[in-house]
N, C-alpha and C. Protein backbone atom coordinates (compact mmCIF):
# COMPACT_ATOMS: atom_id res chain seq x y z
N MET A 1 -23.48 -101.43 -288.81
CA MET A 1 -23.00 -101.15 -287.46
C MET A 1 -23.30 -102.35 -286.56
N PRO A 2 -22.34 -102.75 -285.70
CA PRO A 2 -22.58 -103.93 -284.86
C PRO A 2 -23.59 -103.65 -283.76
N LYS A 3 -24.09 -104.72 -283.19
CA LYS A 3 -25.05 -104.60 -282.09
C LYS A 3 -24.36 -104.02 -280.87
N MET A 4 -25.16 -103.33 -280.02
CA MET A 4 -24.64 -102.82 -278.76
C MET A 4 -24.49 -103.99 -277.79
N LYS A 5 -23.39 -104.03 -277.08
CA LYS A 5 -23.20 -105.07 -276.08
C LYS A 5 -23.71 -104.58 -274.73
N THR A 6 -24.41 -105.45 -274.02
CA THR A 6 -24.85 -105.16 -272.66
C THR A 6 -23.65 -105.27 -271.73
N ASN A 7 -23.51 -104.34 -270.81
CA ASN A 7 -22.44 -104.40 -269.81
C ASN A 7 -22.77 -105.54 -268.85
N SER A 8 -21.90 -106.55 -268.79
CA SER A 8 -22.24 -107.76 -268.02
C SER A 8 -22.26 -107.50 -266.52
N GLY A 9 -21.51 -106.48 -266.04
CA GLY A 9 -21.57 -106.13 -264.63
C GLY A 9 -22.91 -105.52 -264.28
N ALA A 10 -23.41 -104.66 -265.16
CA ALA A 10 -24.71 -104.02 -264.94
C ALA A 10 -25.83 -105.03 -265.06
N LYS A 11 -25.67 -105.98 -265.95
CA LYS A 11 -26.67 -107.02 -266.17
C LYS A 11 -26.93 -107.81 -264.87
N LYS A 12 -25.86 -108.01 -264.09
CA LYS A 12 -25.98 -108.78 -262.84
C LYS A 12 -26.53 -107.94 -261.69
N ARG A 13 -26.39 -106.61 -261.77
CA ARG A 13 -26.72 -105.75 -260.64
C ARG A 13 -28.09 -105.09 -260.71
N PHE A 14 -28.64 -104.93 -261.90
CA PHE A 14 -29.89 -104.18 -262.05
C PHE A 14 -30.96 -105.03 -262.71
N THR A 15 -32.23 -104.79 -262.31
CA THR A 15 -33.36 -105.42 -262.96
C THR A 15 -34.41 -104.37 -263.24
N LEU A 16 -35.20 -104.60 -264.27
CA LEU A 16 -36.26 -103.68 -264.64
C LEU A 16 -37.54 -104.07 -263.92
N THR A 17 -38.28 -103.08 -263.46
CA THR A 17 -39.60 -103.33 -262.88
C THR A 17 -40.64 -103.29 -264.01
N GLY A 18 -41.86 -103.63 -263.68
CA GLY A 18 -42.92 -103.62 -264.68
C GLY A 18 -43.21 -102.24 -265.22
N SER A 19 -43.04 -101.22 -264.39
CA SER A 19 -43.33 -99.85 -264.82
C SER A 19 -42.14 -99.20 -265.52
N GLY A 20 -41.02 -99.93 -265.66
CA GLY A 20 -39.87 -99.40 -266.38
C GLY A 20 -38.80 -98.78 -265.51
N LYS A 21 -39.01 -98.79 -264.19
CA LYS A 21 -37.98 -98.27 -263.29
C LYS A 21 -36.88 -99.33 -263.13
N ILE A 22 -35.73 -98.91 -262.61
CA ILE A 22 -34.61 -99.83 -262.46
C ILE A 22 -34.38 -100.11 -260.99
N LYS A 23 -34.42 -101.39 -260.64
CA LYS A 23 -34.28 -101.82 -259.27
C LYS A 23 -32.82 -102.16 -259.00
N ARG A 24 -32.36 -101.89 -257.77
CA ARG A 24 -30.98 -102.17 -257.40
C ARG A 24 -30.93 -102.68 -255.97
N LYS A 25 -29.79 -103.25 -255.60
CA LYS A 25 -29.58 -103.66 -254.21
C LYS A 25 -28.71 -102.63 -253.52
N HIS A 26 -28.80 -102.57 -252.20
CA HIS A 26 -27.98 -101.64 -251.44
C HIS A 26 -26.56 -102.17 -251.28
N ALA A 27 -25.62 -101.25 -251.18
CA ALA A 27 -24.23 -101.62 -250.94
C ALA A 27 -24.02 -101.82 -249.43
N PHE A 28 -22.84 -102.25 -249.05
CA PHE A 28 -22.40 -102.41 -247.65
C PHE A 28 -23.13 -103.54 -246.93
N LYS A 29 -23.55 -104.58 -247.63
CA LYS A 29 -24.26 -105.68 -246.97
C LYS A 29 -23.54 -107.02 -247.20
N SER A 30 -22.30 -106.98 -247.72
CA SER A 30 -21.66 -108.24 -248.09
C SER A 30 -20.69 -108.78 -247.04
N HIS A 31 -19.94 -107.92 -246.38
CA HIS A 31 -18.97 -108.41 -245.39
C HIS A 31 -18.73 -107.33 -244.36
N ILE A 32 -17.94 -107.68 -243.33
CA ILE A 32 -17.70 -106.82 -242.15
C ILE A 32 -19.04 -106.41 -241.54
N LEU A 33 -19.86 -107.41 -241.25
CA LEU A 33 -21.20 -107.15 -240.74
C LEU A 33 -21.26 -107.09 -239.22
N THR A 34 -20.17 -107.47 -238.55
CA THR A 34 -20.21 -107.52 -237.09
C THR A 34 -20.28 -106.13 -236.46
N LYS A 35 -19.66 -105.15 -237.11
CA LYS A 35 -19.66 -103.81 -236.52
C LYS A 35 -20.88 -102.98 -236.92
N LYS A 36 -21.70 -103.50 -237.83
CA LYS A 36 -22.91 -102.78 -238.24
C LYS A 36 -24.08 -103.19 -237.36
N THR A 37 -24.92 -102.24 -237.06
CA THR A 37 -26.05 -102.52 -236.18
C THR A 37 -27.09 -103.36 -236.92
N THR A 38 -27.93 -104.04 -236.14
CA THR A 38 -28.99 -104.86 -236.72
C THR A 38 -29.94 -104.01 -237.55
N LYS A 39 -30.24 -102.83 -237.06
CA LYS A 39 -31.14 -101.92 -237.79
C LYS A 39 -30.55 -101.53 -239.14
N GLN A 40 -29.26 -101.23 -239.15
CA GLN A 40 -28.59 -100.85 -240.39
C GLN A 40 -28.63 -102.00 -241.40
N LYS A 41 -28.32 -103.21 -240.93
CA LYS A 41 -28.32 -104.37 -241.82
C LYS A 41 -29.72 -104.67 -242.34
N ARG A 42 -30.72 -104.51 -241.49
CA ARG A 42 -32.11 -104.76 -241.89
C ARG A 42 -32.56 -103.77 -242.96
N ASN A 43 -32.19 -102.50 -242.79
CA ASN A 43 -32.58 -101.49 -243.76
C ASN A 43 -31.85 -101.65 -245.09
N LEU A 44 -30.67 -102.25 -245.08
CA LEU A 44 -29.93 -102.49 -246.32
C LEU A 44 -30.48 -103.70 -247.08
N THR A 45 -31.31 -104.51 -246.43
CA THR A 45 -31.86 -105.71 -247.06
C THR A 45 -32.81 -105.35 -248.20
N HIS A 46 -33.63 -104.34 -248.01
CA HIS A 46 -34.67 -104.01 -248.98
C HIS A 46 -34.06 -103.42 -250.24
N ALA A 47 -34.61 -103.79 -251.37
CA ALA A 47 -34.13 -103.28 -252.65
C ALA A 47 -34.55 -101.83 -252.82
N GLY A 48 -33.74 -101.07 -253.53
CA GLY A 48 -34.06 -99.67 -253.79
C GLY A 48 -34.20 -99.43 -255.29
N LEU A 49 -34.43 -98.20 -255.65
CA LEU A 49 -34.53 -97.82 -257.06
C LEU A 49 -33.36 -96.91 -257.41
N VAL A 50 -32.92 -96.99 -258.64
CA VAL A 50 -31.85 -96.12 -259.12
C VAL A 50 -32.40 -94.70 -259.21
N SER A 51 -31.61 -93.72 -258.78
CA SER A 51 -32.08 -92.33 -258.78
C SER A 51 -32.25 -91.82 -260.20
N LYS A 52 -33.05 -90.76 -260.33
CA LYS A 52 -33.33 -90.19 -261.66
C LYS A 52 -32.05 -89.73 -262.35
N ALA A 53 -31.10 -89.24 -261.58
CA ALA A 53 -29.85 -88.74 -262.17
C ALA A 53 -29.04 -89.85 -262.82
N ASP A 54 -29.18 -91.08 -262.33
CA ASP A 54 -28.38 -92.19 -262.84
C ASP A 54 -29.11 -93.09 -263.82
N THR A 55 -30.41 -92.91 -264.00
CA THR A 55 -31.17 -93.86 -264.82
C THR A 55 -30.70 -93.89 -266.27
N ASN A 56 -30.38 -92.74 -266.85
CA ASN A 56 -29.94 -92.74 -268.25
C ASN A 56 -28.64 -93.51 -268.43
N ASN A 57 -27.70 -93.35 -267.49
CA ASN A 57 -26.43 -94.08 -267.59
C ASN A 57 -26.64 -95.58 -267.44
N VAL A 58 -27.49 -95.98 -266.51
CA VAL A 58 -27.72 -97.41 -266.28
C VAL A 58 -28.45 -98.02 -267.47
N LYS A 59 -29.42 -97.29 -268.03
CA LYS A 59 -30.14 -97.80 -269.20
C LYS A 59 -29.19 -97.99 -270.38
N GLN A 60 -28.23 -97.09 -270.50
CA GLN A 60 -27.25 -97.22 -271.59
C GLN A 60 -26.38 -98.47 -271.38
N LEU A 61 -26.01 -98.73 -270.12
CA LEU A 61 -25.21 -99.92 -269.84
C LEU A 61 -25.99 -101.20 -270.11
N LEU A 62 -27.31 -101.15 -269.87
CA LEU A 62 -28.15 -102.33 -270.10
C LEU A 62 -28.57 -102.45 -271.57
N GLY A 63 -28.22 -101.48 -272.39
CA GLY A 63 -28.57 -101.53 -273.79
C GLY A 63 -30.02 -101.21 -274.07
N LEU A 64 -30.64 -100.44 -273.19
CA LEU A 64 -32.05 -100.09 -273.35
C LEU A 64 -32.24 -98.74 -274.02
N LYS A 65 -31.16 -98.04 -274.25
CA LYS A 65 -31.29 -96.69 -274.79
C LYS A 65 -30.41 -96.48 -275.99
């Protein structure tokens, strides 16, 4: 059986933390920033974690499962 291929889109978007959780960036921070408030843009800066419901799917895309 051939090796599993890592999804290259997921490879660019997600990183693993030391404890095994999956880190992600927030959406809505790339363009059309003039109409968004400073507070909204600041809160989107910080990285978040993938929710428990999505971790199995993301791990499969990264070839970890």
